Amino acid sequence: MVVIESSGITDVGIKRANNEDALFLDDKMKLYLVADGMGGHQAGEIASHLVVETIIDYMNNYCDRKSDFINHDKTLSSEANRLLSGIILSNRKVYEASQSNENYRGMGSTISALYVSDDTLITANVGDSPIYLIHNGSINLLSIPHTMVAEQASLFPKGSAKLGDEYKHILTRAIGIEKNVNADICEMHYYQGDTIVIASDGLSDKVQPDEIMDIVTNEEPDKACASLVNMANDRGGDDNITSIVVKVKKVLNKKQRIKGLLSKLANTFIKKD
């Protein structure tokens, strides 16, 4: 069992007319989502919200039977398969919507998701909205950026044939562009004091990882989110800006869970008497 404190904020930025980012956070569900839409005629906004709504609905209504998973990977936990299934379903929904309405043709979205189970934190992403983990004074990227620049860098790690900045935001993978999509996933144990930050590129383009770590380490989630958005706007606010900050406040082991349950039961009987 884990005690979590979180906050999230999305801002249109300074130079955009509408906000194509969408976010969701729920400490009870332990589910956190950031989607960054793309497409004309406000289709990007429709795509990002459709992604988020589809995943929420699936996570709320899925069945425990493995046969009901859209995705079933034996190397992953049921919780990880559950999250991946929601992402796959959201891809289908966006793709179908883009094919059925001419104004939505070519629309798509990124998705970066965090789901916290009793034992592990699970992150999954499609696109370039980053997910950071701050642990023991260091910050690491858990998501895999699906951009031309990132994939070129993986092929030429020493920097040969380096692409220009104009390729920085050209996605090689996104939700809704094709009938099927593959999401990258990471599943790992978490510890008390860990902090996870999910952002859209409107934030990560303007604020460096070490700056993000400094802010979220020294401020509570709500103030940290506001500080991050303000910093991105102060540096130009060229894009929509979204941030979710999730802090692991307390981790209870099995003995602590049983002790807590017995305490609750005892208090219940005392109150009845």
C-alpha atoms as a PDB file:
ATOM      1  CA  MET A   1       0.000   0.000   0.000  1.00  0.00           C
ATOM      2  CA  VAL A   2       1.226   3.484  -0.819  1.00  0.00           C
ATOM      3  CA  VAL A   3       0.250   7.001   0.191  1.00  0.00           C
ATOM      4  CA  ILE A   4       0.480   9.465  -2.683  1.00  0.00           C
ATOM      5  CA  GLU A   5       0.152  13.220  -2.984  1.00  0.00           C
ATOM      6  CA  SER A   6      -0.214  14.718  -6.443  1.00  0.00           C
ATOM      7  CA  SER A   7      -1.149  17.831  -8.360  1.00  0.00           C
ATOM      8  CA  GLY A   8      -1.481  18.746 -12.011  1.00  0.00           C
ATOM      9  CA  ILE A   9      -1.941  21.823 -14.143  1.00  0.00           C
ATOM     10  CA  THR A  10      -2.322  22.627 -17.826  1.00  0.00           C
ATOM     11  CA  ASP A  11      -1.875  26.039 -19.400  1.00  0.00           C
ATOM     12  CA  VAL A  12      -2.451  27.279 -22.938  1.00  0.00           C
ATOM     13  CA  GLY A  13       0.881  29.104 -22.936  1.00  0.00           C
ATOM     14  CA  ILE A  14       1.499  32.538 -24.426  1.00  0.00           C
ATOM     15  CA  LYS A  15       1.464  31.920 -28.180  1.00  0.00           C
ATOM     16  CA  ARG A  16      -1.260  29.305 -28.753  1.00  0.00           C
ATOM     17  CA  ALA A  17      -4.947  30.086 -29.246  1.00  0.00           C
ATOM     18  CA  ASN A  18      -6.248  26.837 -27.757  1.00  0.00           C
ATOM     19  CA  ASN A  19      -4.983  24.096 -25.479  1.00  0.00           C
ATOM     20  CA  GLU A  20      -4.446  20.718 -27.139  1.00  0.00           C
ATOM     21  CA  ASP A  21      -3.025  19.144 -23.961  1.00  0.00           C
ATOM     22  CA  ALA A  22      -5.189  16.976 -21.725  1.00  0.00           C
ATOM     23  CA  LEU A  23      -4.427  15.589 -18.282  1.00  0.00           C
ATOM     24  CA  PHE A  24      -5.925  13.347 -15.636  1.00  0.00           C
ATOM     25  CA  LEU A  25      -4.850  12.550 -12.094  1.00  0.00           C
ATOM     26  CA  ASP A  26      -6.567  10.557  -9.387  1.00  0.00           C
ATOM     27  CA  ASP A  27      -4.812   9.461  -6.196  1.00  0.00           C
ATOM     28  CA  LYS A  28      -7.571   6.953  -5.447  1.00  0.00           C
ATOM     29  CA  MET A  29      -7.188   5.216  -8.817  1.00  0.00           C
ATOM     30  CA  LYS A  30      -3.436   5.946  -8.709  1.00  0.00           C
ATOM     31  CA  LEU A  31      -3.639   6.818 -12.384  1.00  0.00           C
ATOM     32  CA  TYR A  32      -1.966   9.837 -14.009  1.00  0.00           C
ATOM     33  CA  LEU A  33      -2.133  10.805 -17.688  1.00  0.00           C
ATOM     34  CA  VAL A  34      -0.779  13.532 -19.971  1.00  0.00           C
ATOM     35  CA  ALA A  35      -1.735  13.676 -23.656  1.00  0.00           C
ATOM     36  CA  ASP A  36      -0.510  16.254 -26.188  1.00  0.00           C
ATOM     37  CA  GLY A  37      -2.752  16.410 -29.251  1.00  0.00           C
ATOM     38  CA  MET A  38      -1.987  17.371 -32.821  1.00  0.00           C
ATOM     39  CA  GLY A  39      -4.118  18.166 -35.850  1.00  0.00           C
ATOM     40  CA  GLY A  40      -5.944  21.064 -37.481  1.00  0.00           C
ATOM     41  CA  HIS A  41      -9.485  22.344 -36.867  1.00  0.00           C
ATOM     42  CA  GLN A  42      -9.006  21.745 -33.118  1.00  0.00           C
ATOM     43  CA  ALA A  43      -8.656  18.028 -33.906  1.00  0.00           C
ATOM     44  CA  GLY A  44      -5.596  17.821 -31.659  1.00  0.00           C
ATOM     45  CA  GLU A  45      -7.681  18.876 -28.689  1.00  0.00           C
ATOM     46  CA  ILE A  46     -10.295  16.268 -29.562  1.00  0.00           C
ATOM     47  CA  ALA A  47      -7.644  13.561 -29.952  1.00  0.00           C
ATOM     48  CA  SER A  48      -5.923  14.210 -26.619  1.00  0.00           C
ATOM     49  CA  HIS A  49      -9.200  14.267 -24.689  1.00  0.00           C
ATOM     50  CA  LEU A  50     -10.417  11.111 -26.437  1.00  0.00           C
ATOM     51  CA  VAL A  51      -7.194   9.330 -25.452  1.00  0.00           C
ATOM     52  CA  VAL A  52      -7.506  10.319 -21.805  1.00  0.00           C
ATOM     53  CA  GLU A  53     -11.235   9.549 -21.578  1.00  0.00           C
ATOM     54  CA  THR A  54     -10.803   6.123 -23.204  1.00  0.00           C
ATOM     55  CA  ILE A  55      -8.007   5.074 -20.858  1.00  0.00           C
ATOM     56  CA  ILE A  56      -9.919   6.249 -17.775  1.00  0.00           C
ATOM     57  CA  ASP A  57     -13.034   4.369 -18.864  1.00  0.00           C
ATOM     58  CA  TYR A  58     -11.093   1.181 -19.575  1.00  0.00           C
ATOM     59  CA  MET A  59      -9.185   1.308 -16.294  1.00  0.00           C
ATOM     60  CA  ASN A  60     -12.455   1.763 -14.425  1.00  0.00           C
ATOM     61  CA  ASN A  61     -14.357  -1.001 -16.169  1.00  0.00           C
ATOM     62  CA  TYR A  62     -11.890  -3.710 -17.181  1.00  0.00           C
ATOM     63  CA  CYS A  63     -12.320  -7.329 -16.093  1.00  0.00           C
ATOM     64  CA  ASP A  64      -9.681  -9.262 -14.171  1.00  0.00           C
ATOM     65  CA  ARG A  65      -9.738 -12.173 -16.611  1.00  0.00           C
ATOM     66  CA  LYS A  66      -6.542 -12.227 -18.671  1.00  0.00           C
ATOM     67  CA  SER A  67      -8.587 -13.163 -21.722  1.00  0.00           C
ATOM     68  CA  ASP A  68     -10.277  -9.761 -21.515  1.00  0.00           C
ATOM     69  CA  PHE A  69      -7.028  -7.844 -21.914  1.00  0.00           C
ATOM     70  CA  ILE A  70      -6.477  -6.281 -25.319  1.00  0.00           C
ATOM     71  CA  ASN A  71      -2.783  -6.676 -24.611  1.00  0.00           C
ATOM     72  CA  HIS A  72      -1.470  -9.811 -22.878  1.00  0.00           C
ATOM     73  CA  ASP A  73       2.279  -9.997 -22.388  1.00  0.00           C
ATOM     74  CA  LYS A  74       3.352 -12.828 -20.085  1.00  0.00           C
ATOM     75  CA  THR A  75       6.466 -10.896 -19.058  1.00  0.00           C
ATOM     76  CA  LEU A  76       4.364  -8.074 -17.586  1.00  0.00           C
ATOM     77  CA  SER A  77       2.134  -7.886 -14.529  1.00  0.00           C
ATOM     78  CA  SER A  78      -1.635  -7.825 -14.924  1.00  0.00           C
ATOM     79  CA  GLU A  79      -1.565  -4.139 -13.944  1.00  0.00           C
ATOM     80  CA  ALA A  80       0.908  -3.332 -16.718  1.00  0.00           C
ATOM     81  CA  ASN A  81      -1.151  -5.283 -19.246  1.00  0.00           C
ATOM     82  CA  ARG A  82      -4.193  -3.410 -18.044  1.00  0.00           C
ATOM     83  CA  LEU A  83      -2.565  -0.034 -18.706  1.00  0.00           C
ATOM     84  CA  LEU A  84      -1.229  -1.087 -22.098  1.00  0.00           C
ATOM     85  CA  SER A  85      -4.665  -2.383 -23.063  1.00  0.00           C
ATOM     86  CA  GLY A  86      -6.164   1.009 -22.284  1.00  0.00           C
ATOM     87  CA  ILE A  87      -3.572   2.737 -24.459  1.00  0.00           C
ATOM     88  CA  ILE A  88      -4.145   0.314 -27.347  1.00  0.00           C
ATOM     89  CA  LEU A  89      -7.894   0.886 -27.113  1.00  0.00           C
ATOM     90  CA  SER A  90      -7.390   4.663 -27.114  1.00  0.00           C
ATOM     91  CA  ASN A  91      -5.362   4.326 -30.322  1.00  0.00           C
ATOM     92  CA  ARG A  92      -8.238   2.473 -31.955  1.00  0.00           C
ATOM     93  CA  LYS A  93     -10.730   5.136 -30.865  1.00  0.00           C
ATOM     94  CA  VAL A  94      -8.669   8.038 -32.204  1.00  0.00           C
ATOM     95  CA  TYR A  95      -7.853   6.231 -35.445  1.00  0.00           C
ATOM     96  CA  GLU A  96     -11.520   5.382 -36.048  1.00  0.00           C
ATOM     97  CA  ALA A  97     -12.559   8.967 -35.324  1.00  0.00           C
ATOM     98  CA  SER A  98      -9.949  10.299 -37.762  1.00  0.00           C
ATOM     99  CA  GLN A  99     -11.188   7.968 -40.490  1.00  0.00           C
ATOM    100  CA  SER A 100     -14.873   8.809 -39.990  1.00  0.00           C
ATOM    101  CA  ASN A 101     -14.607  12.616 -40.059  1.00  0.00           C
ATOM    102  CA  GLU A 102     -12.767  14.526 -42.767  1.00  0.00           C
ATOM    103  CA  ASN A 103     -11.937  17.375 -40.357  1.00  0.00           C
ATOM    104  CA  TYR A 104     -10.154  14.905 -38.087  1.00  0.00           C
ATOM    105  CA  ARG A 105      -7.957  13.268 -40.741  1.00  0.00           C
ATOM    106  CA  GLY A 106      -4.377  12.963 -39.520  1.00  0.00           C
ATOM    107  CA  MET A 107      -5.165  13.878 -35.942  1.00  0.00           C
ATOM    108  CA  GLY A 108      -3.207  12.189 -33.207  1.00  0.00           C
ATOM    109  CA  SER A 109      -1.808  12.540 -29.738  1.00  0.00           C
ATOM    110  CA  THR A 110       1.006  11.548 -27.462  1.00  0.00           C
ATOM    111  CA  ILE A 111       0.227   9.701 -24.240  1.00  0.00           C
ATOM    112  CA  SER A 112       2.363   9.370 -21.144  1.00  0.00           C
ATOM    113  CA  ALA A 113       0.848   7.376 -18.325  1.00  0.00           C
ATOM    114  CA  LEU A 114       1.681   6.406 -14.767  1.00  0.00           C
ATOM    115  CA  TYR A 115      -0.143   3.732 -12.813  1.00  0.00           C
ATOM    116  CA  VAL A 116       0.906   2.879  -9.263  1.00  0.00           C
ATOM    117  CA  SER A 117       0.090  -0.621  -8.033  1.00  0.00           C
ATOM    118  CA  ASP A 118       0.629  -1.964  -4.521  1.00  0.00           C
ATOM    119  CA  ASP A 119       4.110  -3.143  -5.483  1.00  0.00           C
ATOM    120  CA  THR A 120       5.338  -1.275  -8.554  1.00  0.00           C
ATOM    121  CA  LEU A 121       5.038   1.930 -10.507  1.00  0.00           C
ATOM    122  CA  ILE A 122       4.220   1.399 -14.155  1.00  0.00           C
ATOM    123  CA  THR A 123       4.904   3.997 -16.820  1.00  0.00           C
ATOM    124  CA  ALA A 124       4.003   3.770 -20.494  1.00  0.00           C
ATOM    125  CA  ASN A 125       4.287   6.209 -23.357  1.00  0.00           C
ATOM    126  CA  VAL A 126       3.735   6.842 -27.030  1.00  0.00           C
ATOM    127  CA  GLY A 127       5.270  10.037 -28.407  1.00  0.00           C
ATOM    128  CA  ASP A 128       7.532  12.563 -26.730  1.00  0.00           C
ATOM    129  CA  SER A 129       5.774  13.707 -23.544  1.00  0.00           C
ATOM    130  CA  PRO A 130       8.437  12.899 -20.930  1.00  0.00           C
ATOM    131  CA  ILE A 131       8.104  11.012 -17.646  1.00  0.00           C
ATOM    132  CA  TYR A 132      10.822  11.713 -15.071  1.00  0.00           C
ATOM    133  CA  LEU A 133      11.663   9.862 -11.850  1.00  0.00           C
ATOM    134  CA  ILE A 134      13.417  11.755  -9.067  1.00  0.00           C
ATOM    135  CA  HIS A 135      15.060   9.254  -6.710  1.00  0.00           C
ATOM    136  CA  ASN A 136      17.865   9.751  -4.187  1.00  0.00           C
ATOM    137  CA  GLY A 137      18.859  13.161  -5.525  1.00  0.00           C
ATOM    138  CA  SER A 138      18.959  12.271  -9.216  1.00  0.00           C
ATOM    139  CA  ILE A 139      16.495  12.612 -12.081  1.00  0.00           C
ATOM    140  CA  ASN A 140      16.065  10.004 -14.816  1.00  0.00           C
ATOM    141  CA  LEU A 141      13.874   9.771 -17.888  1.00  0.00           C
ATOM    142  CA  LEU A 142      11.600   6.718 -17.717  1.00  0.00           C
ATOM    143  CA  SER A 143       9.802   7.307 -21.011  1.00  0.00           C
ATOM    144  CA  ILE A 144      11.212   6.662 -24.486  1.00  0.00           C
ATOM    145  CA  PRO A 145      10.952   9.690 -26.824  1.00  0.00           C
ATOM    146  CA  HIS A 146       9.543   8.675 -30.195  1.00  0.00           C
ATOM    147  CA  THR A 147      11.022  11.442 -32.342  1.00  0.00           C
ATOM    148  CA  MET A 148      13.281  11.492 -35.380  1.00  0.00           C
ATOM    149  CA  VAL A 149      16.056  13.159 -33.377  1.00  0.00           C
ATOM    150  CA  ALA A 150      15.870  10.618 -30.535  1.00  0.00           C
ATOM    151  CA  GLU A 151      15.836   7.630 -32.853  1.00  0.00           C
ATOM    152  CA  GLN A 152      18.687   9.060 -34.923  1.00  0.00           C
ATOM    153  CA  ALA A 153      20.678   9.567 -31.721  1.00  0.00           C
ATOM    154  CA  SER A 154      20.151   5.908 -30.790  1.00  0.00           C
ATOM    155  CA  LEU A 155      21.569   4.872 -34.178  1.00  0.00           C
ATOM    156  CA  PHE A 156      24.489   7.315 -33.975  1.00  0.00           C
ATOM    157  CA  PRO A 157      25.239   7.730 -30.255  1.00  0.00           C
ATOM    158  CA  LYS A 158      28.498   9.563 -30.948  1.00  0.00           C
ATOM    159  CA  GLY A 159      26.639  12.301 -32.785  1.00  0.00           C
ATOM    160  CA  SER A 160      27.470  11.558 -36.412  1.00  0.00           C
ATOM    161  CA  ALA A 161      24.900  12.607 -39.027  1.00  0.00           C
ATOM    162  CA  LYS A 162      23.192  14.783 -36.435  1.00  0.00           C
ATOM    163  CA  LEU A 163      19.761  16.091 -37.412  1.00  0.00           C
ATOM    164  CA  GLY A 164      18.794  19.742 -37.029  1.00  0.00           C
ATOM    165  CA  ASP A 165      16.378  21.179 -34.470  1.00  0.00           C
ATOM    166  CA  GLU A 166      13.607  21.255 -37.082  1.00  0.00           C
ATOM    167  CA  TYR A 167      13.335  17.471 -36.632  1.00  0.00           C
ATOM    168  CA  LYS A 168      13.130  17.661 -32.843  1.00  0.00           C
ATOM    169  CA  HIS A 169       9.341  17.411 -32.678  1.00  0.00           C
ATOM    170  CA  ILE A 170       8.687  15.177 -35.664  1.00  0.00           C
ATOM    171  CA  LEU A 171       7.148  12.102 -34.077  1.00  0.00           C
ATOM    172  CA  THR A 172       7.927   8.603 -35.267  1.00  0.00           C
ATOM    173  CA  ARG A 173       5.102   7.148 -33.199  1.00  0.00           C
ATOM    174  CA  ALA A 174       1.802   8.635 -31.989  1.00  0.00           C
ATOM    175  CA  ILE A 175      -1.676   7.620 -30.904  1.00  0.00           C
ATOM    176  CA  GLY A 176      -4.264   7.445 -33.698  1.00  0.00           C
ATOM    177  CA  ILE A 177      -2.008   7.840 -36.731  1.00  0.00           C
ATOM    178  CA  GLU A 178      -2.081   4.163 -37.654  1.00  0.00           C
ATOM    179  CA  LYS A 179      -4.470   1.329 -36.905  1.00  0.00           C
ATOM    180  CA  ASN A 180      -2.045  -0.237 -34.424  1.00  0.00           C
ATOM    181  CA  VAL A 181       0.519   1.255 -32.086  1.00  0.00           C
ATOM    182  CA  ASN A 182       3.259   0.006 -29.761  1.00  0.00           C
ATOM    183  CA  ALA A 183       3.775   1.709 -26.420  1.00  0.00           C
ATOM    184  CA  ASP A 184       7.012   1.540 -24.460  1.00  0.00           C
ATOM    185  CA  ILE A 185       6.574   0.458 -20.865  1.00  0.00           C
ATOM    186  CA  CYS A 186       8.633   0.479 -17.681  1.00  0.00           C
ATOM    187  CA  GLU A 187       7.737  -1.364 -14.476  1.00  0.00           C
ATOM    188  CA  MET A 188       9.806  -0.947 -11.327  1.00  0.00           C
ATOM    189  CA  HIS A 189       9.661  -0.800  -7.548  1.00  0.00           C
ATOM    190  CA  TYR A 190       9.161   2.555  -5.888  1.00  0.00           C
ATOM    191  CA  TYR A 191      10.374   3.945  -2.581  1.00  0.00           C
ATOM    192  CA  GLN A 192       9.242   6.492  -0.052  1.00  0.00           C
ATOM    193  CA  GLY A 193      10.373   9.932  -1.190  1.00  0.00           C
ATOM    194  CA  ASP A 194      10.275   9.142  -4.915  1.00  0.00           C
ATOM    195  CA  THR A 195       8.724  11.791  -7.150  1.00  0.00           C
ATOM    196  CA  ILE A 196       7.420  11.278 -10.672  1.00  0.00           C
ATOM    197  CA  VAL A 197       6.871  14.173 -13.074  1.00  0.00           C
ATOM    198  CA  ILE A 198       4.858  13.840 -16.291  1.00  0.00           C
ATOM    199  CA  ALA A 199       5.001  16.760 -18.717  1.00  0.00           C
ATOM    200  CA  SER A 200       4.148  17.861 -22.210  1.00  0.00           C
ATOM    201  CA  ASP A 201       6.978  19.091 -24.418  1.00  0.00           C
ATOM    202  CA  GLY A 202       5.780  22.656 -23.882  1.00  0.00           C
ATOM    203  CA  LEU A 203       7.334  22.306 -20.447  1.00  0.00           C
ATOM    204  CA  SER A 204      10.312  20.047 -21.155  1.00  0.00           C
ATOM    205  CA  ASP A 205      11.458  22.279 -24.039  1.00  0.00           C
ATOM    206  CA  LYS A 206      11.790  25.241 -21.682  1.00  0.00           C
ATOM    207  CA  VAL A 207      12.793  23.726 -18.329  1.00  0.00           C
ATOM    208  CA  GLN A 208      15.799  21.451 -17.939  1.00  0.00           C
ATOM    209  CA  PRO A 209      15.613  18.177 -15.941  1.00  0.00           C
ATOM    210  CA  ASP A 210      17.881  19.480 -13.149  1.00  0.00           C
ATOM    211  CA  GLU A 211      15.628  22.531 -12.797  1.00  0.00           C
ATOM    212  CA  ILE A 212      12.569  20.301 -12.627  1.00  0.00           C
ATOM    213  CA  MET A 213      14.239  18.206  -9.916  1.00  0.00           C
ATOM    214  CA  ASP A 214      15.153  21.287  -7.885  1.00  0.00           C
ATOM    215  CA  ILE A 215      11.611  22.668  -7.986  1.00  0.00           C
ATOM    216  CA  VAL A 216       9.714  19.459  -7.195  1.00  0.00           C
ATOM    217  CA  THR A 217      12.182  18.529  -4.435  1.00  0.00           C
ATOM    218  CA  ASN A 218      11.725  21.813  -2.603  1.00  0.00           C
ATOM    219  CA  GLU A 219       8.025  22.513  -3.184  1.00  0.00           C
ATOM    220  CA  GLU A 220       4.773  20.685  -2.587  1.00  0.00           C
ATOM    221  CA  PRO A 221       3.115  19.275  -5.742  1.00  0.00           C
ATOM    222  CA  ASP A 222       0.604  22.098  -6.274  1.00  0.00           C
ATOM    223  CA  LYS A 223       3.201  24.847  -5.912  1.00  0.00           C
ATOM    224  CA  ALA A 224       5.744  22.868  -7.943  1.00  0.00           C
ATOM    225  CA  CYS A 225       3.324  22.522 -10.866  1.00  0.00           C
ATOM    226  CA  ALA A 226       2.591  26.251 -10.820  1.00  0.00           C
ATOM    227  CA  SER A 227       6.305  27.094 -10.640  1.00  0.00           C
ATOM    228  CA  LEU A 228       7.114  24.855 -13.594  1.00  0.00           C
ATOM    229  CA  VAL A 229       4.372  26.340 -15.771  1.00  0.00           C
ATOM    230  CA  ASN A 230       5.356  29.888 -14.824  1.00  0.00           C
ATOM    231  CA  MET A 231       8.988  29.173 -15.690  1.00  0.00           C
ATOM    232  CA  ALA A 232       8.031  27.791 -19.114  1.00  0.00           C
ATOM    233  CA  ASN A 233       5.852  30.835 -19.807  1.00  0.00           C
ATOM    234  CA  ASP A 234       8.584  33.208 -18.643  1.00  0.00           C
ATOM    235  CA  ARG A 235      10.879  31.596 -21.212  1.00  0.00           C
ATOM    236  CA  GLY A 236       8.511  32.093 -24.126  1.00  0.00           C
ATOM    237  CA  GLY A 237       5.478  29.869 -23.572  1.00  0.00           C
ATOM    238  CA  ASP A 238       5.604  28.777 -27.220  1.00  0.00           C
ATOM    239  CA  ASP A 239       3.425  25.704 -26.702  1.00  0.00           C
ATOM    240  CA  ASN A 240       0.747  24.403 -24.353  1.00  0.00           C
ATOM    241  CA  ILE A 241       2.276  23.527 -20.981  1.00  0.00           C
ATOM    242  CA  THR A 242       1.208  20.622 -18.788  1.00  0.00           C
ATOM    243  CA  SER A 243       2.726  19.116 -15.664  1.00  0.00           C
ATOM    244  CA  ILE A 244       1.726  16.438 -13.160  1.00  0.00           C
ATOM    245  CA  VAL A 245       3.806  15.953 -10.007  1.00  0.00           C
ATOM    246  CA  VAL A 246       3.320  12.718  -8.041  1.00  0.00           C
ATOM    247  CA  LYS A 247       5.058  12.242  -4.681  1.00  0.00           C
ATOM    248  CA  VAL A 248       5.321   8.928  -2.846  1.00  0.00           C
ATOM    249  CA  LYS A 249       4.732  10.062   0.732  1.00  0.00           C
ATOM    250  CA  LYS A 250       4.609   6.691   2.466  1.00  0.00           C
ATOM    251  CA  VAL A 251       5.074   3.036   1.584  1.00  0.00           C
ATOM    252  CA  LEU A 252       3.567   0.409   3.848  1.00  0.00           C
ATOM    253  CA  ASN A 253       4.910  -3.153   3.860  1.00  0.00           C
ATOM    254  CA  LYS A 254       2.661  -6.158   4.395  1.00  0.00           C
ATOM    255  CA  LYS A 255       3.119  -6.173   8.178  1.00  0.00           C
ATOM    256  CA  GLN A 256       2.214  -2.481   8.352  1.00  0.00           C
ATOM    257  CA  ARG A 257      -0.849  -3.055   6.163  1.00  0.00           C
ATOM    258  CA  ILE A 258      -2.103  -5.865   8.436  1.00  0.00           C
ATOM    259  CA  LYS A 259      -1.429  -3.794  11.550  1.00  0.00           C
ATOM    260  CA  GLY A 260      -3.302  -0.857  10.042  1.00  0.00           C
ATOM    261  CA  LEU A 261      -6.250  -3.062   9.087  1.00  0.00           C
ATOM    262  CA  LEU A 262      -6.456  -4.554  12.580  1.00  0.00           C
ATOM    263  CA  SER A 263      -6.331  -1.068  14.053  1.00  0.00           C
ATOM    264  CA  LYS A 264      -9.213   0.060  11.851  1.00  0.00           C
ATOM    265  CA  LEU A 265     -11.261  -3.007  12.803  1.00  0.00           C
ATOM    266  CA  ALA A 266     -10.595  -2.423  16.488  1.00  0.00           C
ATOM    267  CA  ASN A 267     -11.665   1.204  16.240  1.00  0.00           C
ATOM    268  CA  THR A 268     -14.835   0.150  14.419  1.00  0.00           C
ATOM    269  CA  PHE A 269     -15.838  -2.282  17.183  1.00  0.00           C
ATOM    270  CA  ILE A 270     -15.040   0.299  19.890  1.00  0.00           C
ATOM    271  CA  LYS A 271     -17.273   2.873  18.187  1.00  0.00           C
ATOM    272  CA  LYS A 272     -20.119   0.329  17.910  1.00  0.00           C
ATOM    273  CA  ASP A 273     -19.877  -0.512  21.584  1.00  0.00           C
END
